[in-house]
C-alpha atoms as a PDB file:
ATOM      1  CA  MET A   1     115.709 -44.266 -27.575  1.00  0.00           C
ATOM      2  CA  GLU A   2     117.379 -47.153 -25.805  1.00  0.00           C
ATOM      3  CA  GLY A   3     116.754 -46.961 -22.091  1.00  0.00           C
ATOM      4  CA  PRO A   4     118.622 -48.346 -19.119  1.00  0.00           C
ATOM      5  CA  GLU A   5     118.069 -51.827 -17.849  1.00  0.00           C
ATOM      6  CA  PRO A   6     114.977 -51.936 -15.582  1.00  0.00           C
ATOM      7  CA  SER A   7     117.093 -52.484 -12.473  1.00  0.00           C
ATOM      8  CA  GLU A   8     119.632 -49.735 -13.251  1.00  0.00           C
ATOM      9  CA  PHE A   9     119.280 -46.228 -11.868  1.00  0.00           C
ATOM     10  CA  ALA A  10     120.032 -43.814 -14.730  1.00  0.00           C
ATOM     11  CA  LYS A  11     121.549 -41.030 -12.655  1.00  0.00           C
ATOM     12  CA  GLU A  12     123.055 -38.977 -15.488  1.00  0.00           C
ATOM     13  CA  ARG A  13     119.840 -38.994 -17.500  1.00  0.00           C
ATOM     14  CA  HIS A  14     117.873 -38.043 -14.404  1.00  0.00           C
ATOM     15  CA  ALA A  15     120.218 -35.157 -13.634  1.00  0.00           C
ATOM     16  CA  ALA A  16     120.092 -33.917 -17.233  1.00  0.00           C
ATOM     17  CA  PHE A  17     116.279 -34.085 -17.125  1.00  0.00           C
ATOM     18  CA  ALA A  18     116.057 -32.111 -13.866  1.00  0.00           C
ATOM     19  CA  GLU A  19     118.535 -29.479 -15.081  1.00  0.00           C
ATOM     20  CA  MET A  20     116.622 -29.055 -18.334  1.00  0.00           C
ATOM     21  CA  MET A  21     113.331 -28.663 -16.467  1.00  0.00           C
ATOM     22  CA  LEU A  22     114.836 -26.015 -14.223  1.00  0.00           C
ATOM     23  CA  HIS A  23     115.922 -23.877 -17.164  1.00  0.00           C
ATOM     24  CA  GLU A  24     113.073 -24.373 -19.625  1.00  0.00           C
ATOM     25  CA  LEU A  25     109.754 -26.141 -19.172  1.00  0.00           C
ATOM     26  CA  PRO A  26     107.900 -27.864 -22.036  1.00  0.00           C
ATOM     27  CA  ARG A  27     104.756 -26.163 -23.338  1.00  0.00           C
ATOM     28  CA  ASP A  28     102.551 -28.693 -21.533  1.00  0.00           C
ATOM     29  CA  TYR A  29     103.463 -26.880 -18.313  1.00  0.00           C
ATOM     30  CA  ALA A  30     102.085 -23.526 -19.517  1.00  0.00           C
ATOM     31  CA  SER A  31      98.875 -24.024 -17.531  1.00  0.00           C
ATOM     32  CA  GLN A  32     100.985 -24.344 -14.362  1.00  0.00           C
ATOM     33  CA  GLU A  33     102.689 -20.980 -14.764  1.00  0.00           C
ATOM     34  CA  ILE A  34     101.243 -19.764 -11.469  1.00  0.00           C
ATOM     35  CA  ASN A  35     103.186 -22.577  -9.762  1.00  0.00           C
ATOM     36  CA  ARG A  36     106.558 -21.706 -11.284  1.00  0.00           C
ATOM     37  CA  VAL A  37     108.361 -21.558  -7.927  1.00  0.00           C
ATOM     38  CA  THR A  38     106.943 -24.941  -6.898  1.00  0.00           C
ATOM     39  CA  LEU A  39     108.058 -26.471 -10.198  1.00  0.00           C
ATOM     40  CA  ALA A  40     111.517 -25.051  -9.576  1.00  0.00           C
ATOM     41  CA  TYR A  41     111.427 -26.667  -6.135  1.00  0.00           C
ATOM     42  CA  PHE A  42     110.886 -30.066  -7.742  1.00  0.00           C
ATOM     43  CA  ALA A  43     113.777 -29.506 -10.159  1.00  0.00           C
ATOM     44  CA  VAL A  44     116.259 -28.124  -7.626  1.00  0.00           C
ATOM     45  CA  SER A  45     115.331 -30.727  -5.022  1.00  0.00           C
ATOM     46  CA  SER A  46     115.780 -33.452  -7.645  1.00  0.00           C
ATOM     47  CA  LEU A  47     119.274 -32.209  -8.425  1.00  0.00           C
ATOM     48  CA  SER A  48     120.024 -32.090  -4.718  1.00  0.00           C
ATOM     49  CA  LEU A  49     118.940 -35.698  -4.142  1.00  0.00           C
ATOM     50  CA  LEU A  50     120.931 -36.690  -7.219  1.00  0.00           C
ATOM     51  CA  ARG A  51     124.003 -34.977  -5.714  1.00  0.00           C
ATOM     52  CA  SER A  52     124.134 -32.834  -8.852  1.00  0.00           C
ATOM     53  CA  LEU A  53     123.710 -29.259  -7.626  1.00  0.00           C
ATOM     54  CA  HIS A  54     127.117 -28.500  -9.142  1.00  0.00           C
ATOM     55  CA  ARG A  55     125.278 -28.296 -12.471  1.00  0.00           C
ATOM     56  CA  VAL A  56     123.583 -25.028 -11.487  1.00  0.00           C
ATOM     57  CA  ASP A  57     124.536 -21.598 -10.161  1.00  0.00           C
ATOM     58  CA  LYS A  58     123.218 -21.615  -6.595  1.00  0.00           C
ATOM     59  CA  ASP A  59     123.733 -17.882  -6.086  1.00  0.00           C
ATOM     60  CA  GLN A  60     121.714 -17.176  -9.208  1.00  0.00           C
ATOM     61  CA  ILE A  61     118.947 -19.476  -7.972  1.00  0.00           C
ATOM     62  CA  ALA A  62     118.879 -17.734  -4.579  1.00  0.00           C
ATOM     63  CA  THR A  63     118.589 -14.321  -6.229  1.00  0.00           C
ATOM     64  CA  TRP A  64     115.769 -15.574  -8.459  1.00  0.00           C
ATOM     65  CA  VAL A  65     113.840 -17.113  -5.553  1.00  0.00           C
ATOM     66  CA  LEU A  66     114.214 -14.047  -3.330  1.00  0.00           C
ATOM     67  CA  SER A  67     112.812 -11.876  -6.117  1.00  0.00           C
ATOM     68  CA  PHE A  68     109.417 -13.510  -5.530  1.00  0.00           C
ATOM     69  CA  GLN A  69     109.166 -12.377  -1.910  1.00  0.00           C
ATOM     70  CA  ALA A  70     106.166 -10.156  -1.197  1.00  0.00           C
ATOM     71  CA  LYS A  71     106.790  -7.219   1.078  1.00  0.00           C
ATOM     72  CA  PRO A  72     104.329  -4.784   2.644  1.00  0.00           C
ATOM     73  CA  LYS A  73     104.114  -1.311   1.172  1.00  0.00           C
ATOM     74  CA  GLU A  74     103.073   0.074   4.532  1.00  0.00           C
ATOM     75  CA  THR A  75     103.809  -1.273   8.000  1.00  0.00           C
ATOM     76  CA  HIS A  76     100.092  -1.399   8.856  1.00  0.00           C
ATOM     77  CA  ASP A  77      99.455  -3.841   5.963  1.00  0.00           C
ATOM     78  CA  VAL A  78     100.641  -6.707   8.176  1.00  0.00           C
ATOM     79  CA  ASP A  79      98.166  -5.721  10.875  1.00  0.00           C
ATOM     80  CA  ASP A  80      95.369  -5.674   8.268  1.00  0.00           C
ATOM     81  CA  GLY A  81      95.569  -9.464   7.887  1.00  0.00           C
ATOM     82  CA  LYS A  82      97.464  -9.643   4.604  1.00  0.00           C
ATOM     83  CA  PHE A  83     100.001 -12.416   4.099  1.00  0.00           C
ATOM     84  CA  PHE A  84     103.530 -11.571   2.996  1.00  0.00           C
ATOM     85  CA  GLY A  85     105.310 -14.719   1.908  1.00  0.00           C
ATOM     86  CA  PHE A  86     106.447 -15.690  -1.579  1.00  0.00           C
ATOM     87  CA  CYS A  87     104.582 -15.446  -4.856  1.00  0.00           C
ATOM     88  CA  GLY A  88     104.275 -18.489  -7.089  1.00  0.00           C
ATOM     89  CA  SER A  89     105.145 -16.781 -10.364  1.00  0.00           C
ATOM     90  CA  ARG A  90     105.697 -13.437 -12.060  1.00  0.00           C
ATOM     91  CA  SER A  91     102.064 -13.252 -13.136  1.00  0.00           C
ATOM     92  CA  CYS A  92     100.978 -13.618  -9.497  1.00  0.00           C
ATOM     93  CA  GLN A  93     103.549 -11.080  -8.421  1.00  0.00           C
ATOM     94  CA  PHE A  94     102.208  -8.348 -10.670  1.00  0.00           C
ATOM     95  CA  SER A  95      98.489  -9.041 -10.310  1.00  0.00           C
ATOM     96  CA  GLU A  96      98.057  -7.268  -7.006  1.00  0.00           C
ATOM     97  CA  GLY A  97      94.951  -5.193  -6.642  1.00  0.00           C
ATOM     98  CA  PRO A  98      92.337  -4.265  -4.049  1.00  0.00           C
ATOM     99  CA  GLY A  99      91.482  -7.344  -2.007  1.00  0.00           C
ATOM    100  CA  GLN A 100      93.879  -9.561  -3.943  1.00  0.00           C
ATOM    101  CA  SER A 101      96.648 -11.664  -2.445  1.00  0.00           C
ATOM    102  CA  VAL A 102      99.915 -12.167  -4.297  1.00  0.00           C
ATOM    103  CA  SER A 103     101.636 -14.678  -2.045  1.00  0.00           C
ATOM    104  CA  ASN A 104     100.561 -18.011  -0.607  1.00  0.00           C
ATOM    105  CA  LEU A 105     101.696 -20.679   1.857  1.00  0.00           C
ATOM    106  CA  ALA A 106     102.506 -23.367  -0.723  1.00  0.00           C
ATOM    107  CA  SER A 107     104.778 -21.073  -2.757  1.00  0.00           C
ATOM    108  CA  THR A 108     106.371 -19.804   0.447  1.00  0.00           C
ATOM    109  CA  TYR A 109     107.190 -23.366   1.493  1.00  0.00           C
ATOM    110  CA  SER A 110     108.595 -24.105  -1.971  1.00  0.00           C
ATOM    111  CA  ALA A 111     110.725 -20.961  -2.008  1.00  0.00           C
ATOM    112  CA  LEU A 112     112.157 -21.536   1.460  1.00  0.00           C
ATOM    113  CA  ALA A 113     112.753 -25.208   0.638  1.00  0.00           C
ATOM    114  CA  ILE A 114     114.805 -24.233  -2.410  1.00  0.00           C
ATOM    115  CA  LEU A 115     116.855 -21.800  -0.338  1.00  0.00           C
ATOM    116  CA  LYS A 116     117.465 -24.467   2.296  1.00  0.00           C
ATOM    117  CA  VAL A 117     118.479 -27.077  -0.279  1.00  0.00           C
ATOM    118  CA  ILE A 118     121.062 -24.799  -1.926  1.00  0.00           C
ATOM    119  CA  GLY A 119     122.556 -23.879   1.450  1.00  0.00           C
ATOM    120  CA  TYR A 120     121.338 -20.287   1.680  1.00  0.00           C
ATOM    121  CA  ASP A 121     122.340 -18.539   4.898  1.00  0.00           C
ATOM    122  CA  PHE A 122     119.058 -17.622   6.571  1.00  0.00           C
ATOM    123  CA  GLN A 123     120.889 -15.245   8.882  1.00  0.00           C
ATOM    124  CA  ASN A 124     120.749 -12.881   5.907  1.00  0.00           C
ATOM    125  CA  PHE A 125     116.972 -13.248   5.713  1.00  0.00           C
ATOM    126  CA  ASP A 126     114.347 -11.305   7.667  1.00  0.00           C
ATOM    127  CA  SER A 127     111.608 -13.848   8.345  1.00  0.00           C
ATOM    128  CA  SER A 128     109.649 -11.780  10.846  1.00  0.00           C
ATOM    129  CA  ILE A 129     107.118 -10.413   8.342  1.00  0.00           C
ATOM    130  CA  ILE A 130     106.387 -13.891   6.958  1.00  0.00           C
ATOM    131  CA  LEU A 131     105.788 -15.352  10.403  1.00  0.00           C
ATOM    132  CA  GLU A 132     103.888 -12.380  11.769  1.00  0.00           C
ATOM    133  CA  SER A 133     101.539 -12.269   8.778  1.00  0.00           C
ATOM    134  CA  MET A 134     101.188 -16.076   8.700  1.00  0.00           C
ATOM    135  CA  ARG A 135      99.396 -15.968  12.044  1.00  0.00           C
ATOM    136  CA  SER A 136      96.424 -14.316  10.354  1.00  0.00           C
ATOM    137  CA  LEU A 137      96.006 -17.367   8.074  1.00  0.00           C
ATOM    138  CA  GLN A 138      95.303 -19.742  10.976  1.00  0.00           C
ATOM    139  CA  MET A 139      91.606 -20.273  11.601  1.00  0.00           C
ATOM    140  CA  PRO A 140      89.982 -20.674  15.040  1.00  0.00           C
ATOM    141  CA  ASP A 141      89.776 -24.467  14.495  1.00  0.00           C
ATOM    142  CA  GLY A 142      93.558 -24.627  13.948  1.00  0.00           C
ATOM    143  CA  SER A 143      93.496 -25.060  10.161  1.00  0.00           C
ATOM    144  CA  PHE A 144      95.191 -22.678   7.722  1.00  0.00           C
ATOM    145  CA  MET A 145      94.136 -20.819   4.599  1.00  0.00           C
ATOM    146  CA  PRO A 146      96.793 -20.627   1.857  1.00  0.00           C
ATOM    147  CA  ILE A 147      96.086 -16.945   1.165  1.00  0.00           C
ATOM    148  CA  ASP A 148      94.620 -14.128   3.190  1.00  0.00           C
ATOM    149  CA  SER A 149      91.106 -14.148   1.741  1.00  0.00           C
ATOM    150  CA  GLY A 150      88.568 -16.375   0.011  1.00  0.00           C
ATOM    151  CA  ALA A 151      90.273 -19.756   0.188  1.00  0.00           C
ATOM    152  CA  GLU A 152      89.719 -23.296   1.425  1.00  0.00           C
ATOM    153  CA  THR A 153      91.356 -24.652   4.547  1.00  0.00           C
ATOM    154  CA  ASP A 154      92.808 -28.138   4.831  1.00  0.00           C
ATOM    155  CA  LEU A 155      95.783 -30.230   5.974  1.00  0.00           C
ATOM    156  CA  ARG A 156      98.018 -29.203   3.079  1.00  0.00           C
ATOM    157  CA  PHE A 157      98.306 -25.710   4.454  1.00  0.00           C
ATOM    158  CA  VAL A 158      98.723 -26.828   8.054  1.00  0.00           C
ATOM    159  CA  TYR A 159     101.716 -28.802   6.816  1.00  0.00           C
ATOM    160  CA  CYS A 160     103.067 -25.835   4.839  1.00  0.00           C
ATOM    161  CA  ALA A 161     102.844 -23.621   7.939  1.00  0.00           C
ATOM    162  CA  ALA A 162     104.658 -26.231  10.047  1.00  0.00           C
ATOM    163  CA  ALA A 163     107.360 -26.736   7.409  1.00  0.00           C
ATOM    164  CA  ILE A 164     107.875 -22.983   7.033  1.00  0.00           C
ATOM    165  CA  SER A 165     108.213 -22.627  10.802  1.00  0.00           C
ATOM    166  CA  SER A 166     110.673 -25.524  10.937  1.00  0.00           C
ATOM    167  CA  ILE A 167     112.849 -24.217   8.103  1.00  0.00           C
ATOM    168  CA  LEU A 168     112.964 -20.773   9.710  1.00  0.00           C
ATOM    169  CA  ASN A 169     113.416 -22.334  13.170  1.00  0.00           C
ATOM    170  CA  ASP A 170     110.731 -20.049  14.573  1.00  0.00           C
ATOM    171  CA  TRP A 171     107.275 -21.196  15.669  1.00  0.00           C
ATOM    172  CA  SER A 172     105.867 -17.781  16.465  1.00  0.00           C
ATOM    173  CA  GLY A 173     103.749 -17.827  13.296  1.00  0.00           C
ATOM    174  CA  MET A 174     101.351 -20.569  14.364  1.00  0.00           C
ATOM    175  CA  ASP A 175      99.532 -22.043  17.339  1.00  0.00           C
ATOM    176  CA  ARG A 176     100.790 -25.625  17.415  1.00  0.00           C
ATOM    177  CA  GLU A 177      98.201 -26.888  19.899  1.00  0.00           C
ATOM    178  CA  LYS A 178      95.318 -25.661  17.750  1.00  0.00           C
ATOM    179  CA  ALA A 179      96.961 -27.139  14.651  1.00  0.00           C
ATOM    180  CA  LYS A 180      97.343 -30.488  16.423  1.00  0.00           C
ATOM    181  CA  ASP A 181      93.665 -30.484  17.424  1.00  0.00           C
ATOM    182  CA  TYR A 182      92.642 -29.875  13.810  1.00  0.00           C
ATOM    183  CA  ILE A 183      94.882 -32.679  12.544  1.00  0.00           C
ATOM    184  CA  ILE A 184      93.388 -35.130  15.048  1.00  0.00           C
ATOM    185  CA  LYS A 185      89.906 -34.323  13.735  1.00  0.00           C
ATOM    186  CA  CYS A 186      91.022 -35.235  10.205  1.00  0.00           C
ATOM    187  CA  GLN A 187      91.852 -38.850  11.059  1.00  0.00           C
ATOM    188  CA  SER A 188      89.281 -41.163   9.484  1.00  0.00           C
ATOM    189  CA  TYR A 189      87.687 -44.322  10.885  1.00  0.00           C
ATOM    190  CA  ASP A 190      90.124 -46.466   8.863  1.00  0.00           C
ATOM    191  CA  GLY A 191      93.267 -44.853  10.310  1.00  0.00           C
ATOM    192  CA  GLY A 192      94.275 -42.635   7.401  1.00  0.00           C
ATOM    193  CA  PHE A 193      93.717 -38.885   7.141  1.00  0.00           C
ATOM    194  CA  GLY A 194      91.455 -36.863   4.896  1.00  0.00           C
ATOM    195  CA  LEU A 195      92.206 -33.296   3.873  1.00  0.00           C
ATOM    196  CA  ILE A 196      89.388 -32.051   6.104  1.00  0.00           C
ATOM    197  CA  PRO A 197      87.444 -33.659   8.970  1.00  0.00           C
ATOM    198  CA  GLY A 198      85.085 -36.356   7.743  1.00  0.00           C
ATOM    199  CA  SER A 199      86.672 -36.768   4.293  1.00  0.00           C
ATOM    200  CA  GLU A 200      88.146 -39.888   2.669  1.00  0.00           C
ATOM    201  CA  SER A 201      91.611 -41.012   3.737  1.00  0.00           C
ATOM    202  CA  HIS A 202      94.282 -40.067   1.222  1.00  0.00           C
ATOM    203  CA  GLY A 203      98.021 -40.712   1.016  1.00  0.00           C
ATOM    204  CA  GLY A 204      98.994 -37.078   0.525  1.00  0.00           C
ATOM    205  CA  ALA A 205      96.750 -35.844   3.325  1.00  0.00           C
ATOM    206  CA  THR A 206      98.070 -38.577   5.629  1.00  0.00           C
ATOM    207  CA  TYR A 207     101.638 -37.466   4.948  1.00  0.00           C
ATOM    208  CA  CYS A 208     100.729 -33.830   5.647  1.00  0.00           C
ATOM    209  CA  ALA A 209      99.111 -34.798   8.951  1.00  0.00           C
ATOM    210  CA  VAL A 210     101.916 -37.002  10.241  1.00  0.00           C
ATOM    211  CA  ALA A 211     104.747 -34.798   8.970  1.00  0.00           C
ATOM    212  CA  ALA A 212     103.171 -31.714  10.550  1.00  0.00           C
ATOM    213  CA  LEU A 213     102.812 -33.532  13.876  1.00  0.00           C
ATOM    214  CA  PHE A 214     106.406 -34.749  13.545  1.00  0.00           C
ATOM    215  CA  LEU A 215     107.720 -31.249  12.835  1.00  0.00           C
ATOM    216  CA  MET A 216     105.712 -29.788  15.729  1.00  0.00           C
ATOM    217  CA  GLY A 217     107.126 -32.381  18.119  1.00  0.00           C
ATOM    218  CA  PHE A 218     103.968 -34.411  18.757  1.00  0.00           C
ATOM    219  CA  ILE A 219     105.273 -37.609  17.118  1.00  0.00           C
ATOM    220  CA  GLN A 220     108.697 -39.159  17.528  1.00  0.00           C
ATOM    221  CA  ASN A 221     110.642 -41.383  15.133  1.00  0.00           C
ATOM    222  CA  ASP A 222     110.225 -44.384  17.392  1.00  0.00           C
ATOM    223  CA  CYS A 223     107.442 -46.946  17.116  1.00  0.00           C
ATOM    224  CA  ASN A 224     107.411 -47.790  20.808  1.00  0.00           C
ATOM    225  CA  SER A 225     107.149 -44.192  21.997  1.00  0.00           C
ATOM    226  CA  SER A 226     104.627 -43.388  19.273  1.00  0.00           C
ATOM    227  CA  LEU A 227     102.371 -46.231  20.303  1.00  0.00           C
ATOM    228  CA  SER A 228     102.423 -44.988  23.868  1.00  0.00           C
ATOM    229  CA  LEU A 229     101.318 -41.451  23.026  1.00  0.00           C
ATOM    230  CA  PRO A 230      98.299 -40.156  24.963  1.00  0.00           C
ATOM    231  CA  THR A 231      94.909 -41.187  23.635  1.00  0.00           C
ATOM    232  CA  SER A 232      94.217 -37.547  22.794  1.00  0.00           C
ATOM    233  CA  THR A 233      96.713 -37.863  19.941  1.00  0.00           C
ATOM    234  CA  ILE A 234      96.237 -39.903  16.754  1.00  0.00           C
ATOM    235  CA  ASP A 235      95.435 -43.608  16.505  1.00  0.00           C
ATOM    236  CA  ILE A 236      98.851 -44.970  15.492  1.00  0.00           C
ATOM    237  CA  PRO A 237      97.976 -48.711  15.123  1.00  0.00           C
ATOM    238  CA  SER A 238      95.087 -47.971  12.744  1.00  0.00           C
ATOM    239  CA  LEU A 239      97.274 -45.526  10.835  1.00  0.00           C
ATOM    240  CA  VAL A 240     100.009 -48.112  10.394  1.00  0.00           C
ATOM    241  CA  GLU A 241      97.509 -50.726   9.191  1.00  0.00           C
ATOM    242  CA  TRP A 242      96.056 -48.265   6.684  1.00  0.00           C
ATOM    243  CA  CYS A 243      99.520 -47.454   5.318  1.00  0.00           C
ATOM    244  CA  ILE A 244     100.521 -51.108   4.980  1.00  0.00           C
ATOM    245  CA  GLN A 245      97.300 -51.842   3.108  1.00  0.00           C
ATOM    246  CA  ARG A 246      98.206 -49.235   0.494  1.00  0.00           C
ATOM    247  CA  GLN A 247     101.046 -51.377  -0.908  1.00  0.00           C
ATOM    248  CA  GLY A 248      99.586 -53.422  -3.736  1.00  0.00           C
ATOM    249  CA  ALA A 249     100.358 -56.754  -5.335  1.00  0.00           C
ATOM    250  CA  ASP A 250     102.468 -54.928  -7.950  1.00  0.00           C
ATOM    251  CA  GLY A 251     104.735 -53.590  -5.181  1.00  0.00           C
ATOM    252  CA  GLY A 252     103.690 -49.959  -5.582  1.00  0.00           C
ATOM    253  CA  PHE A 253     101.629 -47.771  -3.291  1.00  0.00           C
ATOM    254  CA  GLN A 254      98.168 -46.374  -3.972  1.00  0.00           C
ATOM    255  CA  GLY A 255      96.897 -43.103  -2.571  1.00  0.00           C
ATOM    256  CA  ARG A 256      93.423 -44.385  -1.745  1.00  0.00           C
ATOM    257  CA  ALA A 257      91.643 -47.707  -1.552  1.00  0.00           C
ATOM    258  CA  ASN A 258      90.759 -49.284  -4.922  1.00  0.00           C
ATOM    259  CA  LYS A 259      93.117 -47.008  -6.890  1.00  0.00           C
ATOM    260  CA  ASP A 260      96.089 -47.958  -9.066  1.00  0.00           C
ATOM    261  CA  SER A 261      99.601 -47.758  -7.680  1.00  0.00           C
ATOM    262  CA  ASP A 262     101.305 -44.463  -8.481  1.00  0.00           C
ATOM    263  CA  THR A 263     104.956 -43.429  -8.204  1.00  0.00           C
ATOM    264  CA  CYS A 264     104.386 -40.480  -5.873  1.00  0.00           C
ATOM    265  CA  TYR A 265     102.636 -42.504  -3.160  1.00  0.00           C
ATOM    266  CA  ALA A 266     105.762 -44.563  -2.622  1.00  0.00           C
ATOM    267  CA  PHE A 267     106.981 -41.333  -1.023  1.00  0.00           C
ATOM    268  CA  TRP A 268     103.764 -40.021   0.535  1.00  0.00           C
ATOM    269  CA  VAL A 269     102.778 -43.257   2.260  1.00  0.00           C
ATOM    270  CA  GLY A 270     106.266 -44.708   2.656  1.00  0.00           C
ATOM    271  CA  SER A 271     107.387 -41.545   4.429  1.00  0.00           C
ATOM    272  CA  VAL A 272     104.645 -41.924   7.031  1.00  0.00           C
ATOM    273  CA  LEU A 273     105.977 -45.353   7.951  1.00  0.00           C
ATOM    274  CA  LYS A 274     109.514 -43.956   7.939  1.00  0.00           C
ATOM    275  CA  MET A 275     108.591 -41.182  10.372  1.00  0.00           C
ATOM    276  CA  LEU A 276     106.969 -43.736  12.652  1.00  0.00           C
ATOM    277  CA  GLY A 277     110.104 -45.892  12.605  1.00  0.00           C
ATOM    278  CA  LEU A 278     108.237 -48.675  10.797  1.00  0.00           C
ATOM    279  CA  TYR A 279     109.636 -48.545   7.274  1.00  0.00           C
ATOM    280  CA  HIS A 280     110.837 -52.126   7.689  1.00  0.00           C
ATOM    281  CA  LEU A 281     107.213 -53.184   7.196  1.00  0.00           C
ATOM    282  CA  VAL A 282     107.425 -52.140   3.525  1.00  0.00           C
ATOM    283  CA  ASN A 283     108.143 -54.842   0.941  1.00  0.00           C
ATOM    284  CA  LYS A 284     111.201 -52.973  -0.301  1.00  0.00           C
ATOM    285  CA  SER A 285     112.208 -55.359  -3.059  1.00  0.00           C
ATOM    286  CA  ALA A 286     108.737 -55.281  -4.605  1.00  0.00           C
ATOM    287  CA  LEU A 287     108.550 -51.491  -4.293  1.00  0.00           C
ATOM    288  CA  ARG A 288     111.931 -51.025  -5.958  1.00  0.00           C
ATOM    289  CA  THR A 289     110.855 -53.246  -8.842  1.00  0.00           C
ATOM    290  CA  PHE A 290     107.667 -51.216  -9.257  1.00  0.00           C
ATOM    291  CA  LEU A 291     109.529 -47.896  -9.253  1.00  0.00           C
ATOM    292  CA  PHE A 292     111.942 -49.024 -11.929  1.00  0.00           C
ATOM    293  CA  THR A 293     109.026 -49.876 -14.212  1.00  0.00           C
ATOM    294  CA  CYS A 294     108.188 -46.154 -13.959  1.00  0.00           C
ATOM    295  CA  GLN A 295     111.699 -44.954 -14.872  1.00  0.00           C
ATOM    296  CA  SER A 296     111.601 -43.123 -18.199  1.00  0.00           C
ATOM    297  CA  PRO A 297     114.274 -43.791 -20.842  1.00  0.00           C
ATOM    298  CA  TYR A 298     114.552 -39.997 -21.158  1.00  0.00           C
ATOM    299  CA  GLY A 299     115.354 -39.499 -17.489  1.00  0.00           C
ATOM    300  CA  GLY A 300     112.850 -38.870 -14.727  1.00  0.00           C
ATOM    301  CA  PHE A 301     109.876 -40.964 -13.700  1.00  0.00           C
ATOM    302  CA  THR A 302     106.337 -41.437 -14.924  1.00  0.00           C
ATOM    303  CA  LYS A 303     103.167 -41.700 -12.876  1.00  0.00           C
ATOM    304  CA  PHE A 304     102.343 -45.265 -13.879  1.00  0.00           C
ATOM    305  CA  PRO A 305     104.456 -48.225 -15.073  1.00  0.00           C
ATOM    306  CA  TYR A 306     105.638 -48.464 -18.660  1.00  0.00           C
ATOM    307  CA  GLU A 307     104.659 -44.966 -19.682  1.00  0.00           C
ATOM    308  CA  VAL A 308     107.321 -43.142 -21.696  1.00  0.00           C
ATOM    309  CA  LEU A 309     107.307 -39.397 -21.004  1.00  0.00           C
ATOM    310  CA  PRO A 310     108.216 -38.326 -17.456  1.00  0.00           C
ATOM    311  CA  ASP A 311     106.835 -35.394 -15.516  1.00  0.00           C
ATOM    312  CA  LEU A 312     108.609 -33.231 -12.977  1.00  0.00           C
ATOM    313  CA  TYR A 313     106.298 -33.986 -10.042  1.00  0.00           C
ATOM    314  CA  HIS A 314     106.456 -37.771 -10.251  1.00  0.00           C
ATOM    315  CA  SER A 315     110.157 -37.657 -11.081  1.00  0.00           C
ATOM    316  CA  TYR A 316     111.005 -35.897  -7.852  1.00  0.00           C
ATOM    317  CA  TYR A 317     108.880 -38.183  -5.734  1.00  0.00           C
ATOM    318  CA  GLY A 318     110.315 -41.176  -7.554  1.00  0.00           C
ATOM    319  CA  PHE A 319     113.782 -40.017  -6.518  1.00  0.00           C
ATOM    320  CA  ALA A 320     112.547 -39.378  -2.970  1.00  0.00           C
ATOM    321  CA  ALA A 321     110.995 -42.851  -2.743  1.00  0.00           C
ATOM    322  CA  LEU A 322     114.203 -44.466  -3.949  1.00  0.00           C
ATOM    323  CA  SER A 323     116.135 -42.436  -1.396  1.00  0.00           C
ATOM    324  CA  LEU A 324     113.963 -44.035   1.288  1.00  0.00           C
ATOM    325  CA  LEU A 325     115.006 -47.364  -0.215  1.00  0.00           C
ATOM    326  CA  GLU A 326     118.651 -46.253   0.160  1.00  0.00           C
ATOM    327  CA  GLU A 327     119.461 -46.155  -3.553  1.00  0.00           C
ATOM    328  CA  LYS A 328     123.243 -45.676  -3.574  1.00  0.00           C
ATOM    329  CA  GLU A 329     123.201 -42.985  -6.278  1.00  0.00           C
ATOM    330  CA  LEU A 330     120.960 -40.739  -4.197  1.00  0.00           C
ATOM    331  CA  GLY A 331     121.467 -38.582  -1.126  1.00  0.00           C
ATOM    332  CA  ASN A 332     119.608 -39.007   2.134  1.00  0.00           C
ATOM    333  CA  LEU A 333     116.175 -37.519   2.631  1.00  0.00           C
ATOM    334  CA  SER A 334     114.820 -35.244   5.345  1.00  0.00           C
ATOM    335  CA  VAL A 335     111.523 -37.098   5.262  1.00  0.00           C
ATOM    336  CA  GLU A 336     109.422 -34.677   7.287  1.00  0.00           C
ATOM    337  CA  LEU A 337     110.429 -31.727   5.081  1.00  0.00           C
ATOM    338  CA  GLY A 338     110.480 -33.664   1.807  1.00  0.00           C
ATOM    339  CA  LEU A 339     113.997 -32.418   1.060  1.00  0.00           C
ATOM    340  CA  ALA A 340     117.458 -33.789   0.616  1.00  0.00           C
ATOM    341  CA  ALA A 341     119.115 -33.892   4.023  1.00  0.00           C
ATOM    342  CA  LEU A 342     122.004 -31.477   4.379  1.00  0.00           C
ATOM    343  CA  ASN A 343     125.258 -33.162   5.365  1.00  0.00           C
END
């Protein structure tokens, strides 16, 4: 198949790819069935950034997403520490049993993000049970579990809780001060953030840390004010240096030191610099060239340069990264939420 020129953004092919992936996933995605709502988030958000939501029935999407909401059978279930958010798939939805959780923070974020992107009126939505039950997922150290029992805690779920609270415009479901304290402990000696205290710095974890702080109001989109934050907050200069060092000679961004550049980190790491008001430090021309070597002739983006078959995850973050670069065919990005900005 003849593909577009390397410097051309193939909007129509990208939109057709995202629409196809929304309606029917290839068999290679069968193992990700439990993440069906998150996969839909990538597809719908792609169409939104591509200014192509007219291709889908938004009311139908809203009805489908809302069908995954978990609701308590008894009012005392919320007081028992169970979480009532959104399920990730039908199989999760119907697997409830004694001691089992059917909804999780990541799927709840994805579901609410879809609803926000398609313009759903949240005045029609009762968020109180989500927020009330989410409080039980926050640990004494400020971190969050994704489900109500037997799970790890790390920065991904702190970010999900902050994003959920921001989308719903209600912070009653989390203790922001405790969350901030946990995030601070996750900053590594080199300036980046690991998923948990003491772990290796990683691009995705660094995004989750900074975006959560941004959403909670502890970081502002202004380099000067950020650099003057109290010493009890994060080390901004070291963070900035770590982010800049992630851009390689090929123009792309790596997620960790000594790793290959990867499409998605152009968003994860680039967004950190954007939130700090320092995106001008990115070599934009080199990054754009790198991203276009990852553009698939079938629409979408690949993980690494010159691969052929795209995947939904890297496609969305390829679009998001190009939005940061102000690609004219794409809409603006709400960087801290990872969503197309609503006009």
